[in-house]
């Protein structure tokens, strides 16, 4: 029997998310966006169901 890929992460085992930080600049306050890699919560990093 063939294992099915996880639909949430497309079988990769992780998903990318964005993290926002408020930082003070010389022009005032600015929003900084950084990308983070999170383990998939549906398949727990396995990539299959």
PDB file of N, CA and C in Angstrom:
ATOM      1  N   UNK A   1       0.834  -1.182   0.000  1.00  0.00           N
ATOM      2  CA  UNK A   1       0.000   0.000   0.000  1.00  0.00           C
ATOM      3  C   UNK A   1       0.881   1.249   0.000  1.00  0.00           C
ATOM      4  N   UNK A   2       0.581   2.151  -0.888  1.00  0.00           N
ATOM      5  CA  UNK A   2       1.378   3.360  -1.029  1.00  0.00           C
ATOM      6  C   UNK A   2       0.961   4.406   0.005  1.00  0.00           C
ATOM      7  N   UNK A   3       1.948   5.055   0.616  1.00  0.00           N
ATOM      8  CA  UNK A   3       1.662   6.098   1.611  1.00  0.00           C
ATOM      9  C   UNK A   3       1.199   7.368   0.908  1.00  0.00           C
ATOM     10  N   UNK A   4       0.247   8.053   1.512  1.00  0.00           N
ATOM     11  CA  UNK A   4      -0.263   9.294   0.931  1.00  0.00           C
ATOM     12  C   UNK A   4       0.517  10.485   1.470  1.00  0.00           C
ATOM     13  N   UNK A   5       0.789  11.431   0.571  1.00  0.00           N
ATOM     14  CA  UNK A   5       1.488  12.646   0.977  1.00  0.00           C
ATOM     15  C   UNK A   5       0.575  13.536   1.803  1.00  0.00           C
ATOM     16  N   UNK A   6       1.165  14.251   2.720  1.00  0.00           N
ATOM     17  CA  UNK A   6       0.417  15.212   3.529  1.00  0.00           C
ATOM     18  C   UNK A   6       0.031  16.399   2.646  1.00  0.00           C
ATOM     19  N   UNK A   7      -1.229  16.808   2.696  1.00  0.00           N
ATOM     20  CA  UNK A   7      -1.695  17.913   1.848  1.00  0.00           C
ATOM     21  C   UNK A   7      -1.252  19.272   2.372  1.00  0.00           C
ATOM     22  N   UNK A   8      -1.073  19.392   3.677  1.00  0.00           N
ATOM     23  CA  UNK A   8      -0.707  20.679   4.268  1.00  0.00           C
ATOM     24  C   UNK A   8       0.701  21.109   3.861  1.00  0.00           C
ATOM     25  N   UNK A   9       1.651  20.175   3.904  1.00  0.00           N
ATOM     26  CA  UNK A   9       3.045  20.519   3.606  1.00  0.00           C
ATOM     27  C   UNK A   9       3.509  19.974   2.259  1.00  0.00           C
ATOM     28  N   UNK A  10       2.637  19.345   1.497  1.00  0.00           N
ATOM     29  CA  UNK A  10       2.944  18.741   0.190  1.00  0.00           C
ATOM     30  C   UNK A  10       4.019  17.663   0.285  1.00  0.00           C
ATOM     31  N   UNK A  11       4.069  16.963   1.407  1.00  0.00           N
ATOM     32  CA  UNK A  11       5.020  15.871   1.577  1.00  0.00           C
ATOM     33  C   UNK A  11       6.414  16.287   1.983  1.00  0.00           C
ATOM     34  N   UNK A  12       6.646  17.576   2.243  1.00  0.00           N
ATOM     35  CA  UNK A  12       7.974  18.055   2.617  1.00  0.00           C
ATOM     36  C   UNK A  12       8.283  17.852   4.097  1.00  0.00           C
ATOM     37  N   UNK A  13       7.258  17.901   4.947  1.00  0.00           N
ATOM     38  CA  UNK A  13       7.478  17.741   6.381  1.00  0.00           C
ATOM     39  C   UNK A  13       7.614  19.050   7.130  1.00  0.00           C
ATOM     40  N   UNK A  14       7.666  20.162   6.398  1.00  0.00           N
ATOM     41  CA  UNK A  14       7.752  21.470   7.044  1.00  0.00           C
ATOM     42  C   UNK A  14       6.970  22.496   6.242  1.00  0.00           C
ATOM     43  N   UNK A  15       6.631  23.597   6.885  1.00  0.00           N
ATOM     44  CA  UNK A  15       5.948  24.707   6.232  1.00  0.00           C
ATOM     45  C   UNK A  15       6.699  25.989   6.559  1.00  0.00           C
ATOM     46  N   UNK A  16       6.626  26.956   5.686  1.00  0.00           N
ATOM     47  CA  UNK A  16       7.243  28.253   5.920  1.00  0.00           C
ATOM     48  C   UNK A  16       6.213  29.211   6.482  1.00  0.00           C
ATOM     49  N   UNK A  17       6.624  30.010   7.437  1.00  0.00           N
ATOM     50  CA  UNK A  17       5.748  30.995   8.055  1.00  0.00           C
ATOM     51  C   UNK A  17       6.519  32.303   8.170  1.00  0.00           C
ATOM     52  N   UNK A  18       5.804  33.380   8.424  1.00  0.00           N
ATOM     53  CA  UNK A  18       6.434  34.687   8.564  1.00  0.00           C
ATOM     54  C   UNK A  18       6.343  35.154  10.006  1.00  0.00           C
ATOM     55  N   UNK A  19       7.422  35.754  10.471  1.00  0.00           N
ATOM     56  CA  UNK A  19       7.494  36.299  11.816  1.00  0.00           C
ATOM     57  C   UNK A  19       7.701  37.804  11.673  1.00  0.00           C
ATOM     58  N   UNK A  20       6.930  38.584  12.389  1.00  0.00           N
ATOM     59  CA  UNK A  20       6.998  40.039  12.273  1.00  0.00           C
ATOM     60  C   UNK A  20       7.620  40.634  13.526  1.00  0.00           C
ATOM     61  N   UNK A  21       8.521  41.593  13.334  1.00  0.00           N
ATOM     62  CA  UNK A  21       9.161  42.299  14.435  1.00  0.00           C
ATOM     63  C   UNK A  21       8.988  43.793  14.221  1.00  0.00           C
ATOM     64  N   UNK A  22       8.744  44.508  15.296  1.00  0.00           N
ATOM     65  CA  UNK A  22       8.687  45.964  15.227  1.00  0.00           C
ATOM     66  C   UNK A  22      10.046  46.482  15.666  1.00  0.00           C
ATOM     67  N   UNK A  23      10.705  47.220  14.786  1.00  0.00           N
ATOM     68  CA  UNK A  23      12.049  47.718  15.072  1.00  0.00           C
ATOM     69  C   UNK A  23      12.084  49.229  14.948  1.00  0.00           C
ATOM     70  N   UNK A  24      12.971  49.810  15.723  1.00  0.00           N
ATOM     71  CA  UNK A  24      13.129  51.260  15.662  1.00  0.00           C
ATOM     72  C   UNK A  24      14.237  51.584  14.669  1.00  0.00           C
ATOM     73  N   UNK A  25      13.925  52.452  13.733  1.00  0.00           N
ATOM     74  CA  UNK A  25      14.848  52.882  12.693  1.00  0.00           C
ATOM     75  C   UNK A  25      15.247  54.325  12.944  1.00  0.00           C
ATOM     76  N   UNK A  26      16.082  54.824  12.081  1.00  0.00           N
ATOM     77  CA  UNK A  26      16.375  56.259  12.169  1.00  0.00           C
ATOM     78  C   UNK A  26      15.217  57.083  11.620  1.00  0.00           C
ATOM     79  N   UNK A  27      14.316  56.427  10.876  1.00  0.00           N
ATOM     80  CA  UNK A  27      13.133  57.104  10.338  1.00  0.00           C
ATOM     81  C   UNK A  27      11.908  56.901  11.216  1.00  0.00           C
ATOM     82  N   UNK A  28      12.052  56.230  12.330  1.00  0.00           N
ATOM     83  CA  UNK A  28      10.918  55.929  13.206  1.00  0.00           C
ATOM     84  C   UNK A  28      10.802  54.428  13.398  1.00  0.00           C
ATOM     85  N   UNK A  29       9.603  53.963  13.585  1.00  0.00           N
ATOM     86  CA  UNK A  29       9.380  52.532  13.781  1.00  0.00           C
ATOM     87  C   UNK A  29       9.058  51.863  12.453  1.00  0.00           C
ATOM     88  N   UNK A  30       9.549  50.650  12.284  1.00  0.00           N
ATOM     89  CA  UNK A  30       9.301  49.909  11.054  1.00  0.00           C
ATOM     90  C   UNK A  30       8.993  48.460  11.351  1.00  0.00           C
ATOM     91  N   UNK A  31       8.355  47.817  10.413  1.00  0.00           N
ATOM     92  CA  UNK A  31       7.986  46.416  10.551  1.00  0.00           C
ATOM     93  C   UNK A  31       8.982  45.570   9.773  1.00  0.00           C
ATOM     94  N   UNK A  32       9.577  44.599  10.437  1.00  0.00           N
ATOM     95  CA  UNK A  32      10.536  43.712   9.783  1.00  0.00           C
ATOM     96  C   UNK A  32       9.929  42.320   9.701  1.00  0.00           C
ATOM     97  N   UNK A  33      10.014  41.728   8.540  1.00  0.00           N
ATOM     98  CA  UNK A  33       9.405  40.421   8.289  1.00  0.00           C
ATOM     99  C   UNK A  33      10.509  39.396   8.042  1.00  0.00           C
ATOM    100  N   UNK A  34      10.512  38.321   8.829  1.00  0.00           N
ATOM    101  CA  UNK A  34      11.492  37.263   8.636  1.00  0.00           C
ATOM    102  C   UNK A  34      10.763  35.946   8.405  1.00  0.00           C
ATOM    103  N   UNK A  35      11.316  35.117   7.566  1.00  0.00           N
ATOM    104  CA  UNK A  35      10.718  33.816   7.280  1.00  0.00           C
ATOM    105  C   UNK A  35      11.299  32.743   8.189  1.00  0.00           C
ATOM    106  N   UNK A  36      10.440  31.887   8.719  1.00  0.00           N
ATOM    107  CA  UNK A  36      10.898  30.798   9.572  1.00  0.00           C
ATOM    108  C   UNK A  36      10.325  29.480   9.064  1.00  0.00           C
ATOM    109  N   UNK A  37      11.039  28.406   9.322  1.00  0.00           N
ATOM    110  CA  UNK A  37      10.660  27.071   8.878  1.00  0.00           C
ATOM    111  C   UNK A  37      10.101  26.317  10.087  1.00  0.00           C
ATOM    112  N   UNK A  38       8.856  25.839   9.973  1.00  0.00           N
ATOM    113  CA  UNK A  38       8.173  25.185  11.078  1.00  0.00           C
ATOM    114  C   UNK A  38       7.842  23.744  10.678  1.00  0.00           C
ATOM    115  N   UNK A  39       8.016  22.813  11.612  1.00  0.00           N
ATOM    116  CA  UNK A  39       7.620  21.420  11.380  1.00  0.00           C
ATOM    117  C   UNK A  39       6.109  21.353  11.196  1.00  0.00           C
ATOM    118  N   UNK A  40       5.662  20.572  10.236  1.00  0.00           N
ATOM    119  CA  UNK A  40       4.235  20.438   9.939  1.00  0.00           C
ATOM    120  C   UNK A  40       3.505  19.833  11.138  1.00  0.00           C
ATOM    121  N   UNK A  41       2.389  20.444  11.519  1.00  0.00           N
ATOM    122  CA  UNK A  41       1.639  19.975  12.688  1.00  0.00           C
ATOM    123  C   UNK A  41       0.699  18.818  12.352  1.00  0.00           C
ATOM    124  N   UNK A  42       0.421  18.592  11.078  1.00  0.00           N
ATOM    125  CA  UNK A  42      -0.478  17.497  10.689  1.00  0.00           C
ATOM    126  C   UNK A  42       0.255  16.153  10.621  1.00  0.00           C
ATOM    127  N   UNK A  43       1.455  16.140  10.021  1.00  0.00           N
ATOM    128  CA  UNK A  43       2.191  14.879   9.863  1.00  0.00           C
ATOM    129  C   UNK A  43       3.414  14.801  10.781  1.00  0.00           C
ATOM    130  N   UNK A  44       3.672  15.828  11.569  1.00  0.00           N
ATOM    131  CA  UNK A  44       4.788  15.889  12.527  1.00  0.00           C
ATOM    132  C   UNK A  44       6.151  15.671  11.871  1.00  0.00           C
ATOM    133  N   UNK A  45       6.335  16.231  10.675  1.00  0.00           N
ATOM    134  CA  UNK A  45       7.624  16.187   9.993  1.00  0.00           C
ATOM    135  C   UNK A  45       7.893  14.936   9.176  1.00  0.00           C
ATOM    136  N   UNK A  46       6.962  13.998   9.117  1.00  0.00           N
ATOM    137  CA  UNK A  46       7.176  12.759   8.357  1.00  0.00           C
ATOM    138  C   UNK A  46       6.920  12.952   6.866  1.00  0.00           C
ATOM    139  N   UNK A  47       5.974  13.826   6.508  1.00  0.00           N
ATOM    140  CA  UNK A  47       5.645  14.051   5.102  1.00  0.00           C
ATOM    141  C   UNK A  47       4.549  13.152   4.576  1.00  0.00           C
ATOM    142  N   UNK A  48       4.185  12.127   5.332  1.00  0.00           N
ATOM    143  CA  UNK A  48       3.111  11.216   4.926  1.00  0.00           C
ATOM    144  C   UNK A  48       2.085  11.120   6.044  1.00  0.00           C
ATOM    145  N   UNK A  49       0.862  10.734   5.672  1.00  0.00           N
ATOM    146  CA  UNK A  49      -0.198  10.589   6.676  1.00  0.00           C
ATOM    147  C   UNK A  49      -0.132   9.241   7.339  1.00  0.00           C
TER     148      UNK A  49
END
